[in-house]
Amino acid sequence: MENRDYMVRATAADAQIRAFAVNSTNLTEEARKIHSLSPICAAALGRLMSGALMMGDMLKGDKDVLTITIEGDGPIRGLLVTVNNKGEVKGYVKNNAVVLPNNAEGHLNVGGAVGNGTLTVTRDLGLKEPYVGTILLHSGEIADDLTYYFAESEQIPSSVGLGVLVNKDFSVMESGGFIVQLMPGASEEAISKLEGNIKNMPSVTDILREGKTPEELLSMVLDGLNMEITDTMPVKYHCGCDRDRMERALILLGKKELENFIADKEDIELKCQFCQNAYKFSIDDLKEMLPRAK
């Protein structure tokens, strides 16, 4: 499969509007394979990863990290996605095997799988405390929820459109979306033109089905608003876990917990939630960690 995964950033109407669009087809398919996701779970995670990638592009610092957590009372139970500003994303769903009938529009019923609950955005900007914003889920369809998040937590009028298409063999056919935001002082003319464009557009899923690029998607959203592409960036699924990180996680559990593991006289195996890589630690490994644990 050729890699078409990339993201574009644009401005329009003399910088009164900023916009982002992404194609995340390959990385969503990679996540589907890693986590053995059902179609509805692939759609939910693909949408959230697309949204997170575009929000990650808003981060300023090279070490800044953004995490989006959804907790819901639907069968999927929750999702977590983490992203940086280098176009690297990773994520998982709590229950990977959800199957539900399609919704009234004939689409995958992501809202039904997620249910009612909360969406939390955590920005770790290297300060003492991360910035955390939480809202109640409005629909569980993810794009709507991110739109409300921007309005409620950040007071930025935004429109978010996300979509994932799945083939009959459950592989991901298309994944992507857009975020468009009004900057302070945007004119009524620019606002009404943008609102009209979004209202008259087909769904993101239908646009993706036609094989439109991120640039073409944004040219529909920003039609007649003098769009200017300002940046293009490749995006990918990237975990970055390694044995050292897993060892640090074990040490953080504390001396008492390590002593319990040693007393069990059995090697332990830790599996990364994001990439499913497994790391084995012997009793001797655990004994070596003891002096570093509290």
C-alpha atoms as a PDB file:
ATOM      1  CA  MET A   1       0.000   0.000   0.000  1.00  0.00           C
ATOM      2  CA  GLU A   2       1.517   3.319  -1.025  1.00  0.00           C
ATOM      3  CA  ASN A   3       1.902   5.684   1.897  1.00  0.00           C
ATOM      4  CA  ARG A   4      -0.421   8.643   1.395  1.00  0.00           C
ATOM      5  CA  ASP A   5      -0.360   9.678   5.050  1.00  0.00           C
ATOM      6  CA  TYR A   6       0.397  13.362   5.455  1.00  0.00           C
ATOM      7  CA  MET A   7      -1.009  16.536   6.956  1.00  0.00           C
ATOM      8  CA  VAL A   8      -1.332  20.066   5.616  1.00  0.00           C
ATOM      9  CA  ARG A   9      -1.722  23.378   7.416  1.00  0.00           C
ATOM     10  CA  ALA A  10      -3.306  26.400   5.765  1.00  0.00           C
ATOM     11  CA  THR A  11      -4.569  29.912   6.355  1.00  0.00           C
ATOM     12  CA  ALA A  12      -7.414  31.687   4.571  1.00  0.00           C
ATOM     13  CA  ALA A  13      -9.182  35.057   4.365  1.00  0.00           C
ATOM     14  CA  ASP A  14      -5.965  36.976   5.158  1.00  0.00           C
ATOM     15  CA  ALA A  15      -5.152  34.778   8.185  1.00  0.00           C
ATOM     16  CA  GLN A  16      -8.625  35.223   9.706  1.00  0.00           C
ATOM     17  CA  ILE A  17      -8.975  31.430   9.438  1.00  0.00           C
ATOM     18  CA  ARG A  18      -6.515  28.636  10.119  1.00  0.00           C
ATOM     19  CA  ALA A  19      -7.089  25.093   8.941  1.00  0.00           C
ATOM     20  CA  PHE A  20      -5.583  21.609   9.019  1.00  0.00           C
ATOM     21  CA  ALA A  21      -6.324  18.452   7.023  1.00  0.00           C
ATOM     22  CA  VAL A  22      -4.860  14.969   7.220  1.00  0.00           C
ATOM     23  CA  ASN A  23      -4.889  11.631   5.439  1.00  0.00           C
ATOM     24  CA  SER A  24      -4.254   8.922   8.034  1.00  0.00           C
ATOM     25  CA  THR A  25      -5.241   5.799   6.074  1.00  0.00           C
ATOM     26  CA  ASN A  26      -2.034   3.782   6.448  1.00  0.00           C
ATOM     27  CA  LEU A  27      -1.447   4.557  10.115  1.00  0.00           C
ATOM     28  CA  THR A  28      -5.075   3.707  10.944  1.00  0.00           C
ATOM     29  CA  GLU A  29      -4.676   0.381   9.125  1.00  0.00           C
ATOM     30  CA  GLU A  30      -1.440  -0.219  11.072  1.00  0.00           C
ATOM     31  CA  ALA A  31      -3.271   0.441  14.356  1.00  0.00           C
ATOM     32  CA  ARG A  32      -6.094  -1.877  13.255  1.00  0.00           C
ATOM     33  CA  LYS A  33      -3.600  -4.705  12.689  1.00  0.00           C
ATOM     34  CA  ILE A  34      -1.634  -4.083  15.909  1.00  0.00           C
ATOM     35  CA  HIS A  35      -4.780  -4.080  18.062  1.00  0.00           C
ATOM     36  CA  SER A  36      -6.926  -6.545  16.013  1.00  0.00           C
ATOM     37  CA  LEU A  37      -9.694  -3.925  15.853  1.00  0.00           C
ATOM     38  CA  SER A  38     -13.254  -4.532  14.724  1.00  0.00           C
ATOM     39  CA  PRO A  39     -14.445  -2.074  12.017  1.00  0.00           C
ATOM     40  CA  ILE A  40     -16.261   0.143  14.528  1.00  0.00           C
ATOM     41  CA  CYS A  41     -13.198   0.275  16.809  1.00  0.00           C
ATOM     42  CA  ALA A  42     -10.928   1.053  13.840  1.00  0.00           C
ATOM     43  CA  ALA A  43     -13.285   3.898  12.888  1.00  0.00           C
ATOM     44  CA  ALA A  44     -13.306   5.309  16.427  1.00  0.00           C
ATOM     45  CA  LEU A  45      -9.527   5.116  16.870  1.00  0.00           C
ATOM     46  CA  GLY A  46      -8.846   6.365  13.322  1.00  0.00           C
ATOM     47  CA  ARG A  47     -11.047   9.426  13.865  1.00  0.00           C
ATOM     48  CA  LEU A  48      -9.436  10.228  17.208  1.00  0.00           C
ATOM     49  CA  MET A  49      -5.900   9.788  15.825  1.00  0.00           C
ATOM     50  CA  SER A  50      -6.701  12.102  12.888  1.00  0.00           C
ATOM     51  CA  GLY A  51      -8.047  14.756  15.245  1.00  0.00           C
ATOM     52  CA  ALA A  52      -5.083  14.356  17.588  1.00  0.00           C
ATOM     53  CA  LEU A  53      -2.539  14.695  14.759  1.00  0.00           C
ATOM     54  CA  MET A  54      -4.004  18.037  13.703  1.00  0.00           C
ATOM     55  CA  MET A  55      -4.146  19.233  17.330  1.00  0.00           C
ATOM     56  CA  GLY A  56      -0.540  18.059  17.757  1.00  0.00           C
ATOM     57  CA  ASP A  57       0.419  20.324  14.849  1.00  0.00           C
ATOM     58  CA  MET A  58      -0.761  23.239  17.025  1.00  0.00           C
ATOM     59  CA  LEU A  59       1.875  22.428  19.686  1.00  0.00           C
ATOM     60  CA  LYS A  60       4.888  24.749  19.691  1.00  0.00           C
ATOM     61  CA  GLY A  61       7.679  22.857  21.468  1.00  0.00           C
ATOM     62  CA  ASP A  62       9.555  19.819  20.146  1.00  0.00           C
ATOM     63  CA  LYS A  63       9.028  17.967  23.425  1.00  0.00           C
ATOM     64  CA  ASP A  64       5.361  18.939  23.859  1.00  0.00           C
ATOM     65  CA  VAL A  65       2.944  16.011  24.032  1.00  0.00           C
ATOM     66  CA  LEU A  66      -0.840  15.988  23.691  1.00  0.00           C
ATOM     67  CA  THR A  67      -3.040  13.162  24.961  1.00  0.00           C
ATOM     68  CA  ILE A  68      -6.772  12.761  24.296  1.00  0.00           C
ATOM     69  CA  THR A  69      -8.686  10.384  26.556  1.00  0.00           C
ATOM     70  CA  ILE A  70     -12.298   9.382  26.010  1.00  0.00           C
ATOM     71  CA  GLU A  71     -14.119   7.560  28.800  1.00  0.00           C
ATOM     72  CA  GLY A  72     -17.590   6.304  27.875  1.00  0.00           C
ATOM     73  CA  ASP A  73     -20.312   3.969  29.105  1.00  0.00           C
ATOM     74  CA  GLY A  74     -20.676   2.323  25.661  1.00  0.00           C
ATOM     75  CA  PRO A  75     -19.194  -1.114  24.872  1.00  0.00           C
ATOM     76  CA  ILE A  76     -15.874   0.342  23.625  1.00  0.00           C
ATOM     77  CA  ARG A  77     -15.439   1.724  27.197  1.00  0.00           C
ATOM     78  CA  GLY A  78     -12.756   4.230  26.207  1.00  0.00           C
ATOM     79  CA  LEU A  79      -9.932   5.307  23.909  1.00  0.00           C
ATOM     80  CA  LEU A  80      -6.578   6.974  24.455  1.00  0.00           C
ATOM     81  CA  VAL A  81      -4.390   8.680  21.847  1.00  0.00           C
ATOM     82  CA  THR A  82      -1.039  10.437  22.308  1.00  0.00           C
ATOM     83  CA  VAL A  83       0.658  12.668  19.731  1.00  0.00           C
ATOM     84  CA  ASN A  84       3.625  15.054  19.374  1.00  0.00           C
ATOM     85  CA  ASN A  85       4.191  17.920  16.910  1.00  0.00           C
ATOM     86  CA  LYS A  86       6.342  15.751  14.613  1.00  0.00           C
ATOM     87  CA  GLY A  87       3.368  13.924  13.121  1.00  0.00           C
ATOM     88  CA  GLU A  88       3.804  10.833  15.319  1.00  0.00           C
ATOM     89  CA  VAL A  89       0.709   9.295  16.913  1.00  0.00           C
ATOM     90  CA  LYS A  90      -0.175   6.178  18.901  1.00  0.00           C
ATOM     91  CA  GLY A  91      -3.336   4.964  20.591  1.00  0.00           C
ATOM     92  CA  TYR A  92      -5.556   2.108  21.736  1.00  0.00           C
ATOM     93  CA  VAL A  93      -9.149   1.266  22.560  1.00  0.00           C
ATOM     94  CA  LYS A  94     -10.138  -0.535  25.761  1.00  0.00           C
ATOM     95  CA  ASN A  95     -12.399  -3.086  24.046  1.00  0.00           C
ATOM     96  CA  ASN A  96     -11.188  -3.931  20.538  1.00  0.00           C
ATOM     97  CA  ALA A  97     -13.994  -6.301  19.453  1.00  0.00           C
ATOM     98  CA  VAL A  98     -17.181  -4.176  19.527  1.00  0.00           C
ATOM     99  CA  VAL A  99     -19.777  -4.974  16.840  1.00  0.00           C
ATOM    100  CA  LEU A 100     -22.978  -2.900  16.474  1.00  0.00           C
ATOM    101  CA  PRO A 101     -25.557  -2.390  13.700  1.00  0.00           C
ATOM    102  CA  ASN A 102     -24.958   0.696  11.510  1.00  0.00           C
ATOM    103  CA  ASN A 103     -26.558   3.983  12.597  1.00  0.00           C
ATOM    104  CA  ALA A 104     -29.565   5.646  10.925  1.00  0.00           C
ATOM    105  CA  GLU A 105     -27.305   7.159   8.209  1.00  0.00           C
ATOM    106  CA  GLY A 106     -25.926   3.712   7.380  1.00  0.00           C
ATOM    107  CA  HIS A 107     -22.497   4.539   8.854  1.00  0.00           C
ATOM    108  CA  LEU A 108     -20.501   2.742  11.538  1.00  0.00           C
ATOM    109  CA  ASN A 109     -22.173   3.595  14.852  1.00  0.00           C
ATOM    110  CA  VAL A 110     -19.159   5.084  16.660  1.00  0.00           C
ATOM    111  CA  GLY A 111     -21.410   7.199  18.913  1.00  0.00           C
ATOM    112  CA  GLY A 112     -23.236   4.091  20.102  1.00  0.00           C
ATOM    113  CA  ALA A 113     -19.951   2.287  20.752  1.00  0.00           C
ATOM    114  CA  VAL A 114     -18.547   5.198  22.793  1.00  0.00           C
ATOM    115  CA  GLY A 115     -21.756   6.159  24.646  1.00  0.00           C
ATOM    116  CA  ASN A 116     -21.988   8.944  27.231  1.00  0.00           C
ATOM    117  CA  GLY A 117     -18.955  10.114  29.184  1.00  0.00           C
ATOM    118  CA  THR A 118     -16.075  12.574  29.026  1.00  0.00           C
ATOM    119  CA  LEU A 119     -13.361  13.764  26.659  1.00  0.00           C
ATOM    120  CA  THR A 120     -10.141  15.013  28.256  1.00  0.00           C
ATOM    121  CA  VAL A 121      -7.273  16.777  26.477  1.00  0.00           C
ATOM    122  CA  THR A 122      -3.950  16.873  28.356  1.00  0.00           C
ATOM    123  CA  ARG A 123      -1.162  19.070  27.023  1.00  0.00           C
ATOM    124  CA  ASP A 124       2.237  18.383  28.567  1.00  0.00           C
ATOM    125  CA  LEU A 125       4.272  21.441  27.629  1.00  0.00           C
ATOM    126  CA  GLY A 126       7.224  20.672  29.908  1.00  0.00           C
ATOM    127  CA  LEU A 127       5.883  22.881  32.701  1.00  0.00           C
ATOM    128  CA  LYS A 128       5.319  21.761  36.307  1.00  0.00           C
ATOM    129  CA  GLU A 129       1.674  21.015  35.641  1.00  0.00           C
ATOM    130  CA  PRO A 130       0.159  19.897  32.318  1.00  0.00           C
ATOM    131  CA  TYR A 131      -2.799  21.816  30.895  1.00  0.00           C
ATOM    132  CA  VAL A 132      -5.950  19.680  31.239  1.00  0.00           C
ATOM    133  CA  GLY A 133      -9.378  20.394  29.744  1.00  0.00           C
ATOM    134  CA  THR A 134     -12.389  18.075  30.133  1.00  0.00           C
ATOM    135  CA  ILE A 135     -15.858  18.222  28.579  1.00  0.00           C
ATOM    136  CA  LEU A 136     -18.894  15.950  28.611  1.00  0.00           C
ATOM    137  CA  LEU A 137     -19.255  13.995  25.377  1.00  0.00           C
ATOM    138  CA  HIS A 138     -21.945  15.465  23.141  1.00  0.00           C
ATOM    139  CA  SER A 139     -22.447  12.607  20.691  1.00  0.00           C
ATOM    140  CA  GLY A 140     -19.539  10.169  21.021  1.00  0.00           C
ATOM    141  CA  GLU A 141     -18.969  10.571  17.274  1.00  0.00           C
ATOM    142  CA  ILE A 142     -15.607  12.245  18.107  1.00  0.00           C
ATOM    143  CA  ALA A 143     -15.619  15.053  15.489  1.00  0.00           C
ATOM    144  CA  ASP A 144     -18.607  16.718  17.225  1.00  0.00           C
ATOM    145  CA  ASP A 145     -16.975  16.212  20.597  1.00  0.00           C
ATOM    146  CA  LEU A 146     -13.711  17.847  19.508  1.00  0.00           C
ATOM    147  CA  THR A 147     -15.697  20.768  18.033  1.00  0.00           C
ATOM    148  CA  TYR A 148     -17.385  21.259  21.422  1.00  0.00           C
ATOM    149  CA  TYR A 149     -14.051  20.861  23.231  1.00  0.00           C
ATOM    150  CA  PHE A 150     -12.544  23.778  21.280  1.00  0.00           C
ATOM    151  CA  ALA A 151     -15.609  25.938  21.980  1.00  0.00           C
ATOM    152  CA  GLU A 152     -15.945  25.092  25.682  1.00  0.00           C
ATOM    153  CA  SER A 153     -12.355  24.598  26.855  1.00  0.00           C
ATOM    154  CA  GLU A 154     -10.392  26.883  24.548  1.00  0.00           C
ATOM    155  CA  GLN A 155     -13.053  29.376  23.379  1.00  0.00           C
ATOM    156  CA  ILE A 156     -11.965  28.907  19.750  1.00  0.00           C
ATOM    157  CA  PRO A 157     -14.874  28.654  17.261  1.00  0.00           C
ATOM    158  CA  SER A 158     -13.962  25.535  15.273  1.00  0.00           C
ATOM    159  CA  SER A 159     -15.395  22.929  12.970  1.00  0.00           C
ATOM    160  CA  VAL A 160     -14.003  19.390  13.004  1.00  0.00           C
ATOM    161  CA  GLY A 161     -14.780  16.788  10.338  1.00  0.00           C
ATOM    162  CA  LEU A 162     -13.432  13.226  10.606  1.00  0.00           C
ATOM    163  CA  GLY A 163     -14.086  10.008   8.734  1.00  0.00           C
ATOM    164  CA  VAL A 164     -12.926   6.407   8.389  1.00  0.00           C
ATOM    165  CA  LEU A 165     -14.033   3.945   5.698  1.00  0.00           C
ATOM    166  CA  VAL A 166     -13.549   0.200   6.182  1.00  0.00           C
ATOM    167  CA  ASN A 167     -13.392  -2.440   3.433  1.00  0.00           C
ATOM    168  CA  LYS A 168     -15.420  -5.669   3.472  1.00  0.00           C
ATOM    169  CA  ASP A 169     -12.312  -7.545   4.663  1.00  0.00           C
ATOM    170  CA  PHE A 170     -12.188  -5.090   7.639  1.00  0.00           C
ATOM    171  CA  SER A 171      -9.032  -3.348   6.350  1.00  0.00           C
ATOM    172  CA  VAL A 172      -9.056   0.458   6.363  1.00  0.00           C
ATOM    173  CA  MET A 173      -9.966   1.950   2.970  1.00  0.00           C
ATOM    174  CA  GLU A 174      -9.663   5.656   3.866  1.00  0.00           C
ATOM    175  CA  SER A 175      -9.097   7.716   7.017  1.00  0.00           C
ATOM    176  CA  GLY A 176      -8.697  11.445   7.520  1.00  0.00           C
ATOM    177  CA  GLY A 177     -10.359  14.752   8.257  1.00  0.00           C
ATOM    178  CA  PHE A 178     -10.054  18.485   8.830  1.00  0.00           C
ATOM    179  CA  ILE A 179     -10.076  21.129  11.568  1.00  0.00           C
ATOM    180  CA  VAL A 180     -10.895  24.735  10.686  1.00  0.00           C
ATOM    181  CA  GLN A 181     -10.735  27.557  13.240  1.00  0.00           C
ATOM    182  CA  LEU A 182     -11.714  31.219  13.300  1.00  0.00           C
ATOM    183  CA  MET A 183      -9.046  33.573  14.577  1.00  0.00           C
ATOM    184  CA  PRO A 184      -9.959  36.514  16.866  1.00  0.00           C
ATOM    185  CA  GLY A 185     -11.506  39.376  14.890  1.00  0.00           C
ATOM    186  CA  ALA A 186     -12.640  37.252  11.925  1.00  0.00           C
ATOM    187  CA  SER A 187     -15.071  39.239   9.774  1.00  0.00           C
ATOM    188  CA  GLU A 188     -18.771  38.375   9.488  1.00  0.00           C
ATOM    189  CA  GLU A 189     -18.219  37.932   5.760  1.00  0.00           C
ATOM    190  CA  ALA A 190     -15.500  35.288   6.281  1.00  0.00           C
ATOM    191  CA  ILE A 191     -17.565  33.547   8.973  1.00  0.00           C
ATOM    192  CA  SER A 192     -20.732  33.300   6.889  1.00  0.00           C
ATOM    193  CA  LYS A 193     -18.807  32.118   3.800  1.00  0.00           C
ATOM    194  CA  LEU A 194     -17.082  29.408   5.850  1.00  0.00           C
ATOM    195  CA  GLU A 195     -20.337  28.324   7.507  1.00  0.00           C
ATOM    196  CA  GLY A 196     -21.998  28.085   4.088  1.00  0.00           C
ATOM    197  CA  ASN A 197     -19.147  25.986   2.689  1.00  0.00           C
ATOM    198  CA  ILE A 198     -19.264  23.529   5.599  1.00  0.00           C
ATOM    199  CA  LYS A 199     -23.074  23.291   5.514  1.00  0.00           C
ATOM    200  CA  ASN A 200     -23.103  22.468   1.777  1.00  0.00           C
ATOM    201  CA  MET A 201     -20.214  19.976   1.831  1.00  0.00           C
ATOM    202  CA  PRO A 202     -20.730  16.220   1.580  1.00  0.00           C
ATOM    203  CA  SER A 203     -19.673  14.229   4.668  1.00  0.00           C
ATOM    204  CA  VAL A 204     -15.931  13.733   5.209  1.00  0.00           C
ATOM    205  CA  THR A 205     -16.509  10.001   4.672  1.00  0.00           C
ATOM    206  CA  ASP A 206     -17.992  10.661   1.218  1.00  0.00           C
ATOM    207  CA  ILE A 207     -15.151  13.053   0.329  1.00  0.00           C
ATOM    208  CA  LEU A 208     -12.573  10.459   1.397  1.00  0.00           C
ATOM    209  CA  ARG A 209     -14.415   7.798  -0.609  1.00  0.00           C
ATOM    210  CA  GLU A 210     -13.690   9.884  -3.713  1.00  0.00           C
ATOM    211  CA  GLY A 211      -9.963   9.736  -2.887  1.00  0.00           C
ATOM    212  CA  LYS A 212      -9.606  13.477  -2.253  1.00  0.00           C
ATOM    213  CA  THR A 213      -6.240  14.671  -0.913  1.00  0.00           C
ATOM    214  CA  PRO A 214      -5.941  16.839   2.238  1.00  0.00           C
ATOM    215  CA  GLU A 215      -5.384  19.864  -0.054  1.00  0.00           C
ATOM    216  CA  GLU A 216      -8.573  19.087  -2.005  1.00  0.00           C
ATOM    217  CA  LEU A 217     -10.520  18.591   1.215  1.00  0.00           C
ATOM    218  CA  LEU A 218      -9.406  22.007   2.505  1.00  0.00           C
ATOM    219  CA  SER A 219     -10.118  23.675  -0.843  1.00  0.00           C
ATOM    220  CA  MET A 220     -13.773  22.588  -0.405  1.00  0.00           C
ATOM    221  CA  VAL A 221     -13.916  23.849   3.205  1.00  0.00           C
ATOM    222  CA  LEU A 222     -12.197  27.145   2.310  1.00  0.00           C
ATOM    223  CA  ASP A 223     -13.710  27.672  -1.134  1.00  0.00           C
ATOM    224  CA  GLY A 224     -13.679  31.368  -2.073  1.00  0.00           C
ATOM    225  CA  LEU A 225     -11.575  32.355   0.962  1.00  0.00           C
ATOM    226  CA  ASN A 226      -8.106  32.600  -0.661  1.00  0.00           C
ATOM    227  CA  MET A 227      -6.624  29.487   0.929  1.00  0.00           C
ATOM    228  CA  GLU A 228      -2.846  29.352   1.282  1.00  0.00           C
ATOM    229  CA  ILE A 229      -1.079  26.090   2.231  1.00  0.00           C
ATOM    230  CA  THR A 230       1.643  26.994   4.752  1.00  0.00           C
ATOM    231  CA  ASP A 231       3.066  23.575   5.707  1.00  0.00           C
ATOM    232  CA  THR A 232       3.020  19.887   4.754  1.00  0.00           C
ATOM    233  CA  MET A 233       4.190  17.093   7.048  1.00  0.00           C
ATOM    234  CA  PRO A 234       4.280  13.271   6.843  1.00  0.00           C
ATOM    235  CA  VAL A 235       2.407  11.489   9.650  1.00  0.00           C
ATOM    236  CA  LYS A 236       2.842   7.971  11.034  1.00  0.00           C
ATOM    237  CA  TYR A 237       1.946   5.537  13.790  1.00  0.00           C
ATOM    238  CA  HIS A 238       4.921   5.536  16.149  1.00  0.00           C
ATOM    239  CA  CYS A 239       5.204   4.045  19.621  1.00  0.00           C
ATOM    240  CA  GLY A 240       8.788   4.569  20.768  1.00  0.00           C
ATOM    241  CA  CYS A 241       8.599   2.127  23.665  1.00  0.00           C
ATOM    242  CA  ASP A 242      11.722   0.187  24.645  1.00  0.00           C
ATOM    243  CA  ARG A 243      13.015  -2.081  27.396  1.00  0.00           C
ATOM    244  CA  ASP A 244      14.426   0.852  29.407  1.00  0.00           C
ATOM    245  CA  ARG A 245      11.023   2.549  29.574  1.00  0.00           C
ATOM    246  CA  MET A 246       9.381  -0.662  30.721  1.00  0.00           C
ATOM    247  CA  GLU A 247      12.080  -1.079  33.365  1.00  0.00           C
ATOM    248  CA  ARG A 248      11.446   2.458  34.624  1.00  0.00           C
ATOM    249  CA  ALA A 249       7.720   1.683  34.796  1.00  0.00           C
ATOM    250  CA  LEU A 250       8.461  -1.359  36.968  1.00  0.00           C
ATOM    251  CA  ILE A 251      10.740   0.651  39.276  1.00  0.00           C
ATOM    252  CA  LEU A 252       7.988   3.249  39.681  1.00  0.00           C
ATOM    253  CA  LEU A 253       5.688   0.543  41.075  1.00  0.00           C
ATOM    254  CA  GLY A 254       7.857   0.665  44.197  1.00  0.00           C
ATOM    255  CA  LYS A 255      10.025  -1.633  46.295  1.00  0.00           C
ATOM    256  CA  LYS A 256       7.115  -3.501  47.922  1.00  0.00           C
ATOM    257  CA  GLU A 257       5.555  -4.432  44.575  1.00  0.00           C
ATOM    258  CA  LEU A 258       8.922  -5.601  43.191  1.00  0.00           C
ATOM    259  CA  GLU A 259       9.499  -7.716  46.307  1.00  0.00           C
ATOM    260  CA  ASN A 260       6.092  -9.337  45.756  1.00  0.00           C
ATOM    261  CA  PHE A 261       7.036 -10.191  42.158  1.00  0.00           C
ATOM    262  CA  ILE A 262      10.341 -11.692  43.338  1.00  0.00           C
ATOM    263  CA  ALA A 263       8.550 -13.723  46.041  1.00  0.00           C
ATOM    264  CA  ASP A 264       6.302 -15.228  43.330  1.00  0.00           C
ATOM    265  CA  LYS A 265       9.488 -16.735  41.803  1.00  0.00           C
ATOM    266  CA  GLU A 266       8.194 -16.205  38.264  1.00  0.00           C
ATOM    267  CA  ASP A 267       9.520 -14.075  35.409  1.00  0.00           C
ATOM    268  CA  ILE A 268       7.146 -11.281  34.468  1.00  0.00           C
ATOM    269  CA  GLU A 269       6.157 -10.009  31.050  1.00  0.00           C
ATOM    270  CA  LEU A 270       4.994  -6.475  30.330  1.00  0.00           C
ATOM    271  CA  LYS A 271       3.132  -5.730  27.105  1.00  0.00           C
ATOM    272  CA  CYS A 272       3.035  -2.214  25.638  1.00  0.00           C
ATOM    273  CA  GLN A 273      -0.564  -1.002  25.282  1.00  0.00           C
ATOM    274  CA  PHE A 274       0.268   0.987  22.158  1.00  0.00           C
ATOM    275  CA  CYS A 275       2.255  -1.490  20.042  1.00  0.00           C
ATOM    276  CA  GLN A 276       1.713  -4.852  21.816  1.00  0.00           C
ATOM    277  CA  ASN A 277       5.485  -5.489  22.060  1.00  0.00           C
ATOM    278  CA  ALA A 278       6.234  -7.753  25.013  1.00  0.00           C
ATOM    279  CA  TYR A 279       9.195  -7.343  27.386  1.00  0.00           C
ATOM    280  CA  LYS A 280      10.305 -10.148  29.723  1.00  0.00           C
ATOM    281  CA  PHE A 281      12.030  -9.521  33.068  1.00  0.00           C
ATOM    282  CA  SER A 282      13.653 -12.345  35.052  1.00  0.00           C
ATOM    283  CA  ILE A 283      13.822 -12.621  38.838  1.00  0.00           C
ATOM    284  CA  ASP A 284      17.472 -11.486  38.625  1.00  0.00           C
ATOM    285  CA  ASP A 285      16.398  -8.419  36.580  1.00  0.00           C
ATOM    286  CA  LEU A 286      13.862  -7.550  39.275  1.00  0.00           C
ATOM    287  CA  LYS A 287      16.461  -7.963  42.059  1.00  0.00           C
ATOM    288  CA  GLU A 288      18.785  -5.557  40.235  1.00  0.00           C
ATOM    289  CA  MET A 289      15.984  -2.936  40.164  1.00  0.00           C
ATOM    290  CA  LEU A 290      15.284  -3.108  43.907  1.00  0.00           C
ATOM    291  CA  PRO A 291      17.928  -0.571  45.054  1.00  0.00           C
ATOM    292  CA  ARG A 292      16.464   2.009  42.617  1.00  0.00           C
ATOM    293  CA  ALA A 293      12.875   1.577  43.806  1.00  0.00           C
ATOM    294  CA  LYS A 294      11.268   3.522  46.651  1.00  0.00           C
END
